[in-house]
Amino acid sequence: MPLALSIFAYGVGFGLVAAQAGFGVGRAVATSAAIYSGSAQLAAINLLQSGEATLWALFATILVINARYLLFGATLQPWLWSAGPVRAYGSLLLLGDANWLMTMRAIRAGEEDRAYLAGTGTPIAFGWLSGTALGAAAVSVLPEPQALGFDLMLPCFAAGMVTMMVKTRTDLLPVVVGAVAALVIFHLLGPAPAIIGAGLGGALAAALVHKDTP
């Protein structure tokens, strides 16, 4: 429940930002349901507001940021697939950063209930979508997102994920490569290429570092 409440607040922040970018309530909620990734959605909104939002730039940005879900799904496959394809794919529709991490920890602790992923994902999804709807609907009465600190939510969330996922010095290398790539490319080419370059650079570094890991 505390996690769902924090995701709800995150959703309110996205709804506010989306409404300020010209999205109606329906469009904002549809975006949250279809992309289902706060980081990718906020990056897309930033691109739209920067004036560099070509269709290909938006597509590439969302694809690169959400590519991590391919890895998330692969790590869950041996455990989740025994539930059958229908339940497995249905559960993966609710896959997010937070409940992936929760599920992986539960698996290591011996969790055998394959409904765990969907069970943790359902309140998170509800919080995200309802928060988006509230933020977009109440944009005229709520304070600016910056006044509520919502502009810091994405970097804080990303930093928290990095802290939980980095266990060794080797794990830190992709983070450093991605950060350096983002800074350099941002100053040379702007925000859209920086997001794509950071994702590709970090992914390549991770692949090289963990190439011998089964």
N, C-alpha and C. Protein backbone atom coordinates (compact mmCIF):
# COMPACT_ATOMS: atom_id res chain seq x y z
N MET A 1 0.81 -1.21 0.00
CA MET A 1 0.00 0.00 0.00
C MET A 1 0.85 1.27 0.00
N PRO A 2 1.88 1.40 0.85
CA PRO A 2 2.71 2.62 0.79
C PRO A 2 3.31 2.84 -0.59
N LEU A 3 3.73 1.75 -1.26
CA LEU A 3 4.30 1.88 -2.59
C LEU A 3 3.25 2.38 -3.58
N ALA A 4 2.03 1.84 -3.49
CA ALA A 4 0.96 2.27 -4.38
C ALA A 4 0.65 3.75 -4.18
N LEU A 5 0.72 4.22 -2.93
CA LEU A 5 0.47 5.64 -2.66
C LEU A 5 1.56 6.52 -3.27
N SER A 6 2.80 6.06 -3.21
CA SER A 6 3.88 6.84 -3.81
C SER A 6 3.75 6.86 -5.32
N ILE A 7 3.33 5.74 -5.91
CA ILE A 7 3.10 5.69 -7.36
C ILE A 7 1.92 6.59 -7.73
N PHE A 8 0.91 6.63 -6.86
CA PHE A 8 -0.23 7.54 -7.08
C PHE A 8 0.26 8.99 -7.15
N ALA A 9 1.12 9.38 -6.20
CA ALA A 9 1.66 10.74 -6.21
C ALA A 9 2.47 11.00 -7.47
N TYR A 10 3.23 10.01 -7.89
CA TYR A 10 4.01 10.11 -9.13
C TYR A 10 3.07 10.30 -10.32
N GLY A 11 1.94 9.56 -10.32
CA GLY A 11 0.95 9.70 -11.38
C GLY A 11 0.32 11.08 -11.42
N VAL A 12 0.04 11.63 -10.22
CA VAL A 12 -0.48 13.00 -10.16
C VAL A 12 0.50 13.97 -10.81
N GLY A 13 1.77 13.77 -10.51
CA GLY A 13 2.79 14.63 -11.10
C GLY A 13 2.81 14.54 -12.60
N PHE A 14 2.73 13.31 -13.13
CA PHE A 14 2.71 13.17 -14.58
C PHE A 14 1.46 13.79 -15.17
N GLY A 15 0.30 13.58 -14.51
CA GLY A 15 -0.93 14.16 -15.02
C GLY A 15 -0.86 15.67 -15.11
N LEU A 16 -0.26 16.31 -14.10
CA LEU A 16 -0.07 17.76 -14.12
C LEU A 16 0.81 18.19 -15.29
N VAL A 17 1.94 17.50 -15.43
CA VAL A 17 2.88 17.85 -16.51
C VAL A 17 2.23 17.64 -17.87
N ALA A 18 1.50 16.53 -18.02
CA ALA A 18 0.85 16.24 -19.29
C ALA A 18 -0.21 17.28 -19.62
N ALA A 19 -1.00 17.67 -18.62
CA ALA A 19 -2.03 18.68 -18.85
C ALA A 19 -1.42 20.01 -19.25
N GLN A 20 -0.30 20.38 -18.63
CA GLN A 20 0.37 21.62 -18.99
C GLN A 20 0.95 21.57 -20.41
N ALA A 21 1.19 20.35 -20.89
CA ALA A 21 1.70 20.19 -22.26
C ALA A 21 0.56 20.11 -23.27
N GLY A 22 -0.69 20.24 -22.80
CA GLY A 22 -1.82 20.25 -23.70
C GLY A 22 -2.62 18.96 -23.77
N PHE A 23 -2.29 17.99 -22.93
CA PHE A 23 -3.03 16.74 -22.92
C PHE A 23 -4.32 16.90 -22.12
N GLY A 24 -5.42 16.33 -22.64
CA GLY A 24 -6.63 16.22 -21.86
C GLY A 24 -6.54 15.03 -20.92
N VAL A 25 -7.57 14.87 -20.08
CA VAL A 25 -7.56 13.76 -19.12
C VAL A 25 -7.49 12.42 -19.83
N GLY A 26 -8.34 12.24 -20.84
CA GLY A 26 -8.36 10.98 -21.56
C GLY A 26 -7.04 10.65 -22.23
N ARG A 27 -6.45 11.65 -22.85
CA ARG A 27 -5.17 11.43 -23.53
C ARG A 27 -4.05 11.13 -22.54
N ALA A 28 -4.07 11.82 -21.41
CA ALA A 28 -3.05 11.58 -20.39
C ALA A 28 -3.16 10.16 -19.82
N VAL A 29 -4.39 9.74 -19.50
CA VAL A 29 -4.59 8.40 -18.96
C VAL A 29 -4.25 7.34 -20.00
N ALA A 30 -4.65 7.58 -21.26
CA ALA A 30 -4.32 6.63 -22.32
C ALA A 30 -2.81 6.49 -22.49
N THR A 31 -2.09 7.61 -22.35
CA THR A 31 -0.63 7.56 -22.43
C THR A 31 -0.05 6.73 -21.30
N SER A 32 -0.58 6.93 -20.09
CA SER A 32 -0.09 6.16 -18.95
C SER A 32 -0.40 4.67 -19.09
N ALA A 33 -1.54 4.36 -19.70
CA ALA A 33 -1.91 2.95 -19.87
C ALA A 33 -1.10 2.29 -20.99
N ALA A 34 -0.89 3.02 -22.08
CA ALA A 34 -0.21 2.44 -23.24
C ALA A 34 1.29 2.32 -23.04
N ILE A 35 1.92 3.37 -22.55
CA ILE A 35 3.38 3.35 -22.37
C ILE A 35 3.74 2.74 -21.02
N TYR A 36 2.98 3.07 -20.00
CA TYR A 36 3.11 2.51 -18.65
C TYR A 36 4.54 2.58 -18.14
N SER A 37 5.12 3.75 -18.27
CA SER A 37 6.49 3.96 -17.79
C SER A 37 6.66 5.44 -17.51
N GLY A 38 6.71 5.79 -16.24
CA GLY A 38 6.82 7.20 -15.90
C GLY A 38 8.05 7.86 -16.50
N SER A 39 9.17 7.16 -16.49
CA SER A 39 10.40 7.74 -17.03
C SER A 39 10.28 8.00 -18.51
N ALA A 40 9.74 7.04 -19.27
CA ALA A 40 9.58 7.22 -20.71
C ALA A 40 8.55 8.30 -21.02
N GLN A 41 7.47 8.34 -20.25
CA GLN A 41 6.43 9.34 -20.50
C GLN A 41 6.92 10.75 -20.22
N LEU A 42 7.62 10.94 -19.12
CA LEU A 42 8.14 12.27 -18.81
C LEU A 42 9.20 12.70 -19.81
N ALA A 43 10.02 11.74 -20.27
CA ALA A 43 11.01 12.06 -21.29
C ALA A 43 10.33 12.49 -22.58
N ALA A 44 9.24 11.80 -22.93
CA ALA A 44 8.50 12.15 -24.14
C ALA A 44 7.87 13.54 -24.01
N ILE A 45 7.31 13.85 -22.84
CA ILE A 45 6.74 15.17 -22.61
C ILE A 45 7.82 16.25 -22.72
N ASN A 46 8.98 15.98 -22.15
CA ASN A 46 10.08 16.95 -22.24
C ASN A 46 10.49 17.18 -23.68
N LEU A 47 10.49 16.13 -24.48
CA LEU A 47 10.82 16.28 -25.90
C LEU A 47 9.77 17.13 -26.61
N LEU A 48 8.51 16.86 -26.31
CA LEU A 48 7.43 17.65 -26.92
C LEU A 48 7.58 19.13 -26.59
N GLN A 49 7.93 19.42 -25.36
CA GLN A 49 8.06 20.81 -24.93
C GLN A 49 9.35 21.46 -25.43
N SER A 50 10.35 20.64 -25.77
CA SER A 50 11.62 21.19 -26.26
C SER A 50 11.56 21.60 -27.72
N GLY A 51 10.53 21.14 -28.43
CA GLY A 51 10.43 21.45 -29.84
C GLY A 51 11.21 20.51 -30.73
N GLU A 52 11.80 19.45 -30.16
CA GLU A 52 12.59 18.50 -30.94
C GLU A 52 11.85 17.18 -31.12
N ALA A 53 10.56 17.19 -30.94
CA ALA A 53 9.79 15.95 -30.86
C ALA A 53 9.34 15.46 -32.24
N THR A 54 10.28 14.99 -33.05
CA THR A 54 9.87 14.28 -34.25
C THR A 54 9.31 12.92 -33.84
N LEU A 55 8.54 12.33 -34.73
CA LEU A 55 7.93 11.04 -34.42
C LEU A 55 9.00 9.99 -34.12
N TRP A 56 10.07 10.02 -34.91
CA TRP A 56 11.13 9.03 -34.70
C TRP A 56 11.87 9.27 -33.39
N ALA A 57 12.05 10.53 -33.02
CA ALA A 57 12.72 10.83 -31.75
C ALA A 57 11.89 10.33 -30.57
N LEU A 58 10.58 10.55 -30.63
CA LEU A 58 9.71 10.07 -29.57
C LEU A 58 9.72 8.54 -29.49
N PHE A 59 9.60 7.91 -30.66
CA PHE A 59 9.58 6.45 -30.70
C PHE A 59 10.89 5.87 -30.17
N ALA A 60 12.00 6.43 -30.62
CA ALA A 60 13.31 5.91 -30.19
C ALA A 60 13.52 6.12 -28.70
N THR A 61 13.09 7.27 -28.19
CA THR A 61 13.25 7.56 -26.77
C THR A 61 12.47 6.57 -25.91
N ILE A 62 11.21 6.36 -26.26
CA ILE A 62 10.38 5.43 -25.50
C ILE A 62 10.93 4.01 -25.62
N LEU A 63 11.38 3.64 -26.82
CA LEU A 63 11.90 2.29 -27.03
C LEU A 63 13.15 2.04 -26.21
N VAL A 64 14.07 3.00 -26.22
CA VAL A 64 15.33 2.82 -25.50
C VAL A 64 15.09 2.76 -23.99
N ILE A 65 14.26 3.68 -23.48
CA ILE A 65 14.02 3.71 -22.04
C ILE A 65 13.29 2.45 -21.57
N ASN A 66 12.35 1.97 -22.39
CA ASN A 66 11.57 0.80 -21.98
C ASN A 66 12.22 -0.52 -22.35
N ALA A 67 13.38 -0.48 -23.00
CA ALA A 67 14.06 -1.72 -23.38
C ALA A 67 14.41 -2.56 -22.16
N ARG A 68 14.53 -1.93 -21.01
CA ARG A 68 14.87 -2.68 -19.80
C ARG A 68 13.82 -3.74 -19.47
N TYR A 69 12.58 -3.53 -19.94
CA TYR A 69 11.54 -4.51 -19.63
C TYR A 69 11.77 -5.83 -20.34
N LEU A 70 12.50 -5.82 -21.45
CA LEU A 70 12.89 -7.07 -22.09
C LEU A 70 13.76 -7.90 -21.13
N LEU A 71 14.69 -7.21 -20.48
CA LEU A 71 15.55 -7.90 -19.52
C LEU A 71 14.76 -8.33 -18.28
N PHE A 72 13.85 -7.47 -17.83
CA PHE A 72 13.03 -7.82 -16.67
C PHE A 72 12.23 -9.09 -16.95
N GLY A 73 11.59 -9.12 -18.13
CA GLY A 73 10.80 -10.29 -18.50
C GLY A 73 11.64 -11.54 -18.61
N ALA A 74 12.85 -11.39 -19.16
CA ALA A 74 13.74 -12.55 -19.31
C ALA A 74 14.14 -13.12 -17.95
N THR A 75 14.37 -12.25 -16.98
CA THR A 75 14.75 -12.75 -15.65
C THR A 75 13.59 -13.46 -14.95
N LEU A 76 12.36 -13.08 -15.30
CA LEU A 76 11.20 -13.71 -14.66
C LEU A 76 10.74 -14.97 -15.38
N GLN A 77 11.15 -15.15 -16.63
CA GLN A 77 10.62 -16.23 -17.46
C GLN A 77 10.72 -17.62 -16.84
N PRO A 78 11.86 -18.03 -16.31
CA PRO A 78 11.94 -19.39 -15.77
C PRO A 78 10.95 -19.64 -14.63
N TRP A 79 10.69 -18.62 -13.84
CA TRP A 79 9.78 -18.76 -12.69
C TRP A 79 8.33 -18.59 -13.11
N LEU A 80 8.06 -17.62 -13.98
CA LEU A 80 6.68 -17.25 -14.30
C LEU A 80 6.04 -18.18 -15.32
N TRP A 81 6.84 -18.74 -16.22
CA TRP A 81 6.27 -19.48 -17.35
C TRP A 81 5.54 -20.74 -16.92
N SER A 82 5.89 -21.27 -15.76
CA SER A 82 5.22 -22.49 -15.29
C SER A 82 3.75 -22.26 -14.98
N ALA A 83 3.34 -20.99 -14.87
CA ALA A 83 1.93 -20.68 -14.64
C ALA A 83 1.10 -20.80 -15.90
N GLY A 84 1.77 -20.98 -17.06
CA GLY A 84 1.07 -21.04 -18.33
C GLY A 84 1.15 -19.72 -19.06
N PRO A 85 1.09 -19.75 -20.39
CA PRO A 85 1.29 -18.52 -21.17
C PRO A 85 0.25 -17.43 -20.92
N VAL A 86 -1.00 -17.82 -20.72
CA VAL A 86 -2.05 -16.81 -20.52
C VAL A 86 -1.80 -16.03 -19.23
N ARG A 87 -1.58 -16.74 -18.14
CA ARG A 87 -1.33 -16.07 -16.86
C ARG A 87 0.00 -15.32 -16.88
N ALA A 88 0.99 -15.90 -17.55
CA ALA A 88 2.30 -15.26 -17.60
C ALA A 88 2.23 -13.93 -18.35
N TYR A 89 1.65 -13.95 -19.55
CA TYR A 89 1.57 -12.71 -20.33
C TYR A 89 0.63 -11.70 -19.67
N GLY A 90 -0.44 -12.20 -19.05
CA GLY A 90 -1.33 -11.30 -18.34
C GLY A 90 -0.63 -10.60 -17.19
N SER A 91 0.20 -11.33 -16.47
CA SER A 91 0.96 -10.73 -15.37
C SER A 91 1.97 -9.71 -15.88
N LEU A 92 2.58 -10.01 -17.04
CA LEU A 92 3.60 -9.12 -17.57
C LEU A 92 3.02 -7.78 -18.03
N LEU A 93 1.72 -7.74 -18.30
CA LEU A 93 1.09 -6.45 -18.62
C LEU A 93 1.17 -5.48 -17.45
N LEU A 94 1.33 -6.01 -16.25
CA LEU A 94 1.42 -5.19 -15.04
C LEU A 94 2.85 -5.03 -14.55
N LEU A 95 3.81 -5.43 -15.38
CA LEU A 95 5.21 -5.37 -14.99
C LEU A 95 5.71 -3.93 -14.94
N GLY A 96 6.33 -3.58 -13.84
CA GLY A 96 6.95 -2.26 -13.67
C GLY A 96 8.25 -2.41 -12.91
N ASP A 97 8.96 -1.31 -12.77
CA ASP A 97 10.24 -1.36 -12.07
C ASP A 97 10.08 -1.86 -10.64
N ALA A 98 9.12 -1.29 -9.93
CA ALA A 98 8.98 -1.58 -8.50
C ALA A 98 8.57 -3.03 -8.25
N ASN A 99 7.52 -3.50 -8.96
CA ASN A 99 7.07 -4.87 -8.66
C ASN A 99 7.99 -5.92 -9.28
N TRP A 100 8.78 -5.56 -10.29
CA TRP A 100 9.81 -6.49 -10.75
C TRP A 100 10.84 -6.72 -9.64
N LEU A 101 11.27 -5.62 -9.03
CA LEU A 101 12.26 -5.73 -7.96
C LEU A 101 11.68 -6.50 -6.77
N MET A 102 10.43 -6.21 -6.43
CA MET A 102 9.77 -6.92 -5.33
C MET A 102 9.66 -8.42 -5.64
N THR A 103 9.29 -8.73 -6.88
CA THR A 103 9.12 -10.13 -7.27
C THR A 103 10.45 -10.88 -7.26
N MET A 104 11.50 -10.24 -7.76
CA MET A 104 12.81 -10.90 -7.76
C MET A 104 13.28 -11.19 -6.34
N ARG A 105 13.03 -10.25 -5.44
CA ARG A 105 13.39 -10.50 -4.04
C ARG A 105 12.56 -11.64 -3.46
N ALA A 106 11.28 -11.67 -3.82
CA ALA A 106 10.41 -12.74 -3.31
C ALA A 106 10.84 -14.10 -3.86
N ILE A 107 11.23 -14.14 -5.12
CA ILE A 107 11.69 -15.40 -5.72
C ILE A 107 12.92 -15.91 -4.99
N ARG A 108 13.85 -15.01 -4.71
CA ARG A 108 15.07 -15.41 -3.99
C ARG A 108 14.74 -15.92 -2.59
N ALA A 109 13.63 -15.43 -2.03
CA ALA A 109 13.22 -15.86 -0.69
C ALA A 109 12.38 -17.13 -0.72
N GLY A 110 12.13 -17.67 -1.93
CA GLY A 110 11.40 -18.92 -2.05
C GLY A 110 9.95 -18.79 -2.44
N GLU A 111 9.51 -17.63 -2.90
CA GLU A 111 8.11 -17.43 -3.30
C GLU A 111 7.75 -18.37 -4.46
N GLU A 112 6.61 -19.08 -4.33
CA GLU A 112 6.18 -20.00 -5.37
C GLU A 112 4.85 -19.60 -6.01
N ASP A 113 4.17 -18.64 -5.45
CA ASP A 113 2.87 -18.20 -5.98
C ASP A 113 3.10 -17.32 -7.20
N ARG A 114 2.75 -17.84 -8.37
CA ARG A 114 2.99 -17.09 -9.61
C ARG A 114 2.08 -15.88 -9.76
N ALA A 115 1.10 -15.75 -8.88
CA ALA A 115 0.23 -14.57 -8.91
C ALA A 115 0.87 -13.38 -8.20
N TYR A 116 2.05 -13.57 -7.65
CA TYR A 116 2.71 -12.50 -6.88
C TYR A 116 2.95 -11.27 -7.74
N LEU A 117 3.42 -11.47 -8.97
CA LEU A 117 3.72 -10.33 -9.85
C LEU A 117 2.47 -9.51 -10.13
N ALA A 118 1.38 -10.19 -10.51
CA ALA A 118 0.13 -9.48 -10.78
C ALA A 118 -0.45 -8.88 -9.50
N GLY A 119 -0.30 -9.59 -8.39
CA GLY A 119 -0.83 -9.09 -7.13
C GLY A 119 -0.17 -7.81 -6.68
N THR A 120 1.13 -7.70 -6.89
CA THR A 120 1.82 -6.46 -6.53
C THR A 120 1.65 -5.40 -7.61
N GLY A 121 1.43 -5.83 -8.85
CA GLY A 121 1.31 -4.88 -9.94
C GLY A 121 -0.04 -4.20 -10.03
N THR A 122 -1.10 -4.88 -9.56
CA THR A 122 -2.46 -4.32 -9.69
C THR A 122 -2.63 -3.01 -8.91
N PRO A 123 -2.30 -2.94 -7.62
CA PRO A 123 -2.45 -1.65 -6.92
C PRO A 123 -1.52 -0.58 -7.47
N ILE A 124 -0.36 -0.98 -7.96
CA ILE A 124 0.56 0.00 -8.56
C ILE A 124 -0.06 0.59 -9.82
N ALA A 125 -0.63 -0.28 -10.67
CA ALA A 125 -1.26 0.20 -11.90
C ALA A 125 -2.45 1.11 -11.59
N PHE A 126 -3.25 0.71 -10.60
CA PHE A 126 -4.40 1.54 -10.22
C PHE A 126 -3.93 2.90 -9.72
N GLY A 127 -2.90 2.91 -8.89
CA GLY A 127 -2.37 4.18 -8.38
C GLY A 127 -1.83 5.06 -9.49
N TRP A 128 -1.15 4.46 -10.44
CA TRP A 128 -0.56 5.21 -11.55
C TRP A 128 -1.64 5.84 -12.44
N LEU A 129 -2.63 5.06 -12.81
CA LEU A 129 -3.67 5.56 -13.71
C LEU A 129 -4.59 6.55 -13.01
N SER A 130 -4.99 6.25 -11.77
CA SER A 130 -5.87 7.17 -11.05
C SER A 130 -5.14 8.46 -10.71
N GLY A 131 -3.86 8.37 -10.38
CA GLY A 131 -3.08 9.57 -10.12
C GLY A 131 -2.95 10.43 -11.36
N THR A 132 -2.72 9.79 -12.51
CA THR A 132 -2.64 10.53 -13.77
C THR A 132 -3.94 11.27 -14.04
N ALA A 133 -5.07 10.57 -13.85
CA ALA A 133 -6.37 11.19 -14.09
C ALA A 133 -6.60 12.39 -13.18
N LEU A 134 -6.28 12.24 -11.90
CA LEU A 134 -6.47 13.34 -10.95
C LEU A 134 -5.58 14.52 -11.30
N GLY A 135 -4.32 14.26 -11.58
CA GLY A 135 -3.40 15.35 -11.91
C GLY A 135 -3.83 16.12 -13.14
N ALA A 136 -4.26 15.39 -14.18
CA ALA A 136 -4.68 16.05 -15.41
C ALA A 136 -5.98 16.82 -15.23
N ALA A 137 -6.89 16.26 -14.41
CA ALA A 137 -8.19 16.91 -14.21
C ALA A 137 -8.08 18.13 -13.31
N ALA A 138 -7.16 18.11 -12.37
CA ALA A 138 -7.06 19.18 -11.37
C ALA A 138 -5.95 20.16 -11.66
N VAL A 139 -5.48 20.21 -12.90
CA VAL A 139 -4.35 21.07 -13.22
C VAL A 139 -4.63 22.53 -12.91
N SER A 140 -5.91 22.93 -12.99
CA SER A 140 -6.24 24.34 -12.77
C SER A 140 -6.25 24.73 -11.29
N VAL A 141 -6.33 23.75 -10.40
CA VAL A 141 -6.41 24.07 -8.97
C VAL A 141 -5.18 23.62 -8.19
N LEU A 142 -4.42 22.68 -8.73
CA LEU A 142 -3.21 22.23 -8.05
C LEU A 142 -2.05 23.17 -8.35
N PRO A 143 -1.08 23.26 -7.46
CA PRO A 143 0.09 24.11 -7.71
C PRO A 143 0.90 23.60 -8.89
N GLU A 144 1.85 24.42 -9.32
CA GLU A 144 2.78 24.00 -10.36
C GLU A 144 3.51 22.73 -9.92
N PRO A 145 3.79 21.80 -10.87
CA PRO A 145 4.51 20.58 -10.49
C PRO A 145 5.82 20.87 -9.78
N GLN A 146 6.52 21.93 -10.20
CA GLN A 146 7.80 22.27 -9.57
C GLN A 146 7.62 22.66 -8.11
N ALA A 147 6.49 23.32 -7.81
CA ALA A 147 6.24 23.74 -6.43
C ALA A 147 6.00 22.55 -5.51
N LEU A 148 5.52 21.45 -6.08
CA LEU A 148 5.27 20.24 -5.31
C LEU A 148 6.46 19.29 -5.33
N GLY A 149 7.49 19.67 -6.06
CA GLY A 149 8.68 18.83 -6.13
C GLY A 149 8.59 17.70 -7.13
N PHE A 150 7.55 17.72 -8.00
CA PHE A 150 7.38 16.63 -8.95
C PHE A 150 8.49 16.60 -10.00
N ASP A 151 9.14 17.74 -10.24
CA ASP A 151 10.22 17.74 -11.22
C ASP A 151 11.43 16.96 -10.73
N LEU A 152 11.47 16.69 -9.42
CA LEU A 152 12.57 15.91 -8.86
C LEU A 152 12.23 14.42 -8.72
N MET A 153 10.98 14.06 -8.98
CA MET A 153 10.57 12.68 -8.75
C MET A 153 11.28 11.71 -9.67
N LEU A 154 11.42 12.07 -10.96
CA LEU A 154 12.05 11.15 -11.90
C LEU A 154 13.51 10.91 -11.56
N PRO A 155 14.33 11.97 -11.36
CA PRO A 155 15.73 11.68 -11.00
C PRO A 155 15.87 10.96 -9.66
N CYS A 156 14.99 11.28 -8.69
CA CYS A 156 15.06 10.58 -7.40
C CYS A 156 14.68 9.11 -7.55
N PHE A 157 13.65 8.85 -8.35
CA PHE A 157 13.24 7.47 -8.59
C PHE A 157 14.34 6.70 -9.28
N ALA A 158 14.95 7.32 -10.31
CA ALA A 158 16.04 6.65 -11.03
C ALA A 158 17.22 6.39 -10.11
N ALA A 159 17.54 7.36 -9.26
CA ALA A 159 18.65 7.18 -8.32
C ALA A 159 18.36 6.05 -7.34
N GLY A 160 17.11 5.96 -6.90
CA GLY A 160 16.74 4.88 -6.00
C GLY A 160 16.86 3.52 -6.65
N MET A 161 16.43 3.42 -7.92
CA MET A 161 16.56 2.16 -8.64
C MET A 161 18.02 1.77 -8.80
N VAL A 162 18.86 2.75 -9.14
CA VAL A 162 20.28 2.46 -9.31
C VAL A 162 20.88 1.96 -8.00
N THR A 163 20.51 2.61 -6.90
CA THR A 163 21.03 2.21 -5.59
C THR A 163 20.66 0.78 -5.25
N MET A 164 19.44 0.37 -5.60
CA MET A 164 18.99 -0.98 -5.28
C MET A 164 19.59 -2.03 -6.21
N MET A 165 19.92 -1.64 -7.45
CA MET A 165 20.37 -2.62 -8.44
C MET A 165 21.88 -2.75 -8.50
N VAL A 166 22.61 -1.72 -8.10
CA VAL A 166 24.07 -1.78 -8.14
C VAL A 166 24.58 -2.47 -6.89
N LYS A 167 25.19 -3.61 -7.07
CA LYS A 167 25.68 -4.40 -5.94
C LYS A 167 27.21 -4.42 -5.87
N THR A 168 27.87 -4.27 -7.02
CA THR A 168 29.33 -4.33 -7.07
C THR A 168 29.86 -3.15 -7.87
N ARG A 169 31.17 -2.97 -7.85
CA ARG A 169 31.79 -1.92 -8.65
C ARG A 169 31.56 -2.16 -10.14
N THR A 170 31.53 -3.42 -10.52
CA THR A 170 31.29 -3.76 -11.92
C THR A 170 29.91 -3.28 -12.37
N ASP A 171 28.92 -3.41 -11.49
CA ASP A 171 27.57 -2.96 -11.82
C ASP A 171 27.51 -1.45 -12.02
N LEU A 172 28.45 -0.74 -11.43
CA LEU A 172 28.43 0.72 -11.49
C LEU A 172 28.89 1.25 -12.84
N LEU A 173 29.67 0.47 -13.59
CA LEU A 173 30.23 0.95 -14.85
C LEU A 173 29.17 1.38 -15.86
N PRO A 174 28.11 0.58 -16.12
CA PRO A 174 27.08 1.03 -17.06
C PRO A 174 26.41 2.35 -16.64
N VAL A 175 26.27 2.55 -15.33
CA VAL A 175 25.68 3.79 -14.83
C VAL A 175 26.56 4.98 -15.19
N VAL A 176 27.86 4.82 -14.95
CA VAL A 176 28.81 5.90 -15.25
C VAL A 176 28.85 6.17 -16.75
N VAL A 177 28.90 5.11 -17.55
CA VAL A 177 28.94 5.28 -19.01
C VAL A 177 27.69 5.99 -19.51
N GLY A 178 26.53 5.58 -19.01
CA GLY A 178 25.28 6.22 -19.42
C GLY A 178 25.22 7.68 -19.02
N ALA A 179 25.68 7.99 -17.80
CA ALA A 179 25.66 9.38 -17.33
C ALA A 179 26.60 10.26 -18.14
N VAL A 180 27.80 9.77 -18.41
CA VAL A 180 28.77 10.55 -19.20
C VAL A 180 28.25 10.75 -20.62
N ALA A 181 27.70 9.69 -21.21
CA ALA A 181 27.15 9.81 -22.56
C ALA A 181 26.03 10.84 -22.61
N ALA A 182 25.16 10.82 -21.59
CA ALA A 182 24.05 11.78 -21.55
C ALA A 182 24.56 13.21 -21.49
N LEU A 183 25.52 13.47 -20.63
CA LEU A 183 26.05 14.84 -20.48
C LEU A 183 26.72 15.33 -21.76
N VAL A 184 27.55 14.48 -22.35
CA VAL A 184 28.29 14.89 -23.55
C VAL A 184 27.34 15.12 -24.71
N ILE A 185 26.45 14.16 -24.95
CA ILE A 185 25.54 14.27 -26.09
C ILE A 185 24.54 15.39 -25.89
N PHE A 186 24.11 15.62 -24.64
CA PHE A 186 23.18 16.72 -24.38
C PHE A 186 23.79 18.06 -24.80
N HIS A 187 25.04 18.29 -24.44
CA HIS A 187 25.69 19.56 -24.77
C HIS A 187 26.00 19.67 -26.26
N LEU A 188 26.16 18.54 -26.93
CA LEU A 188 26.49 18.58 -28.36
C LEU A 188 25.26 18.58 -29.25
N LEU A 189 24.26 17.78 -28.88
CA LEU A 189 23.14 17.55 -29.80
C LEU A 189 21.76 17.84 -29.21
N GLY A 190 21.66 17.98 -27.88
CA GLY A 190 20.36 18.27 -27.29
C GLY A 190 19.77 17.10 -26.53
N PRO A 191 18.58 17.28 -25.96
CA PRO A 191 18.01 16.28 -25.05
C PRO A 191 17.59 14.97 -25.69
N ALA A 192 16.99 15.03 -26.89
CA ALA A 192 16.51 13.79 -27.50
C ALA A 192 17.64 12.81 -27.79
N PRO A 193 18.70 13.23 -28.50
CA PRO A 193 19.81 12.30 -28.72
C PRO A 193 20.50 11.89 -27.42
N ALA A 194 20.48 12.77 -26.41
CA ALA A 194 21.14 12.44 -25.14
C ALA A 194 20.46 11.26 -24.46
N ILE A 195 19.14 11.24 -24.47
CA ILE A 195 18.40 10.15 -23.84
C ILE A 195 18.70 8.83 -24.55
N ILE A 196 18.66 8.88 -25.89
CA ILE A 196 18.91 7.67 -26.67
C ILE A 196 20.35 7.20 -26.48
N GLY A 197 21.30 8.15 -26.56
CA GLY A 197 22.71 7.80 -26.41
C GLY A 197 23.03 7.23 -25.05
N ALA A 198 22.43 7.80 -24.00
CA ALA A 198 22.66 7.29 -22.64
C ALA A 198 22.15 5.87 -22.50
N GLY A 199 20.97 5.61 -23.03
CA GLY A 199 20.41 4.26 -22.95
C GLY A 199 21.25 3.24 -23.70
N LEU A 200 21.66 3.60 -24.91
CA LEU A 200 22.47 2.68 -25.71
C LEU A 200 23.85 2.48 -25.09
N GLY A 201 24.45 3.58 -24.61
CA GLY A 201 25.78 3.48 -24.00
C GLY A 201 25.77 2.62 -22.75
N GLY A 202 24.78 2.85 -21.89
CA GLY A 202 24.67 2.06 -20.68
C GLY A 202 24.40 0.59 -20.97
N ALA A 203 23.52 0.33 -21.96
CA ALA A 203 23.21 -1.05 -22.31
C ALA A 203 24.43 -1.77 -22.88
N LEU A 204 25.19 -1.08 -23.74
CA LEU A 204 26.39 -1.69 -24.31
C LEU A 204 27.42 -1.99 -23.23
N ALA A 205 27.59 -1.05 -22.31
CA ALA A 205 28.54 -1.27 -21.22
C ALA A 205 28.11 -2.45 -20.35
N ALA A 206 26.81 -2.55 -20.08
CA ALA A 206 26.31 -3.66 -19.27
C ALA A 206 26.52 -4.99 -19.98
N ALA A 207 26.28 -5.00 -21.30
CA ALA A 207 26.47 -6.24 -22.06
C ALA A 207 27.93 -6.68 -22.04
N LEU A 208 28.84 -5.74 -22.16
CA LEU A 208 30.27 -6.07 -22.15
C LEU A 208 30.72 -6.55 -20.77
N VAL A 209 30.24 -5.87 -19.75
CA VAL A 209 30.65 -6.21 -18.39
C VAL A 209 30.13 -7.59 -17.98
N HIS A 210 28.90 -7.90 -18.39
CA HIS A 210 28.27 -9.14 -17.93
C HIS A 210 28.19 -10.19 -19.04
N LYS A 211 29.06 -10.10 -20.03
CA LYS A 211 28.98 -11.02 -21.16
C LYS A 211 29.21 -12.47 -20.77
N ASP A 212 29.92 -12.71 -19.68
CA ASP A 212 30.18 -14.09 -19.25
C ASP A 212 29.21 -14.56 -18.17
N THR A 213 28.23 -13.68 -17.84
CA THR A 213 27.26 -14.05 -16.80
C THR A 213 26.14 -14.86 -17.41
N PRO A 214 25.84 -16.04 -16.91
CA PRO A 214 24.78 -16.85 -17.49
C PRO A 214 23.41 -16.22 -17.30
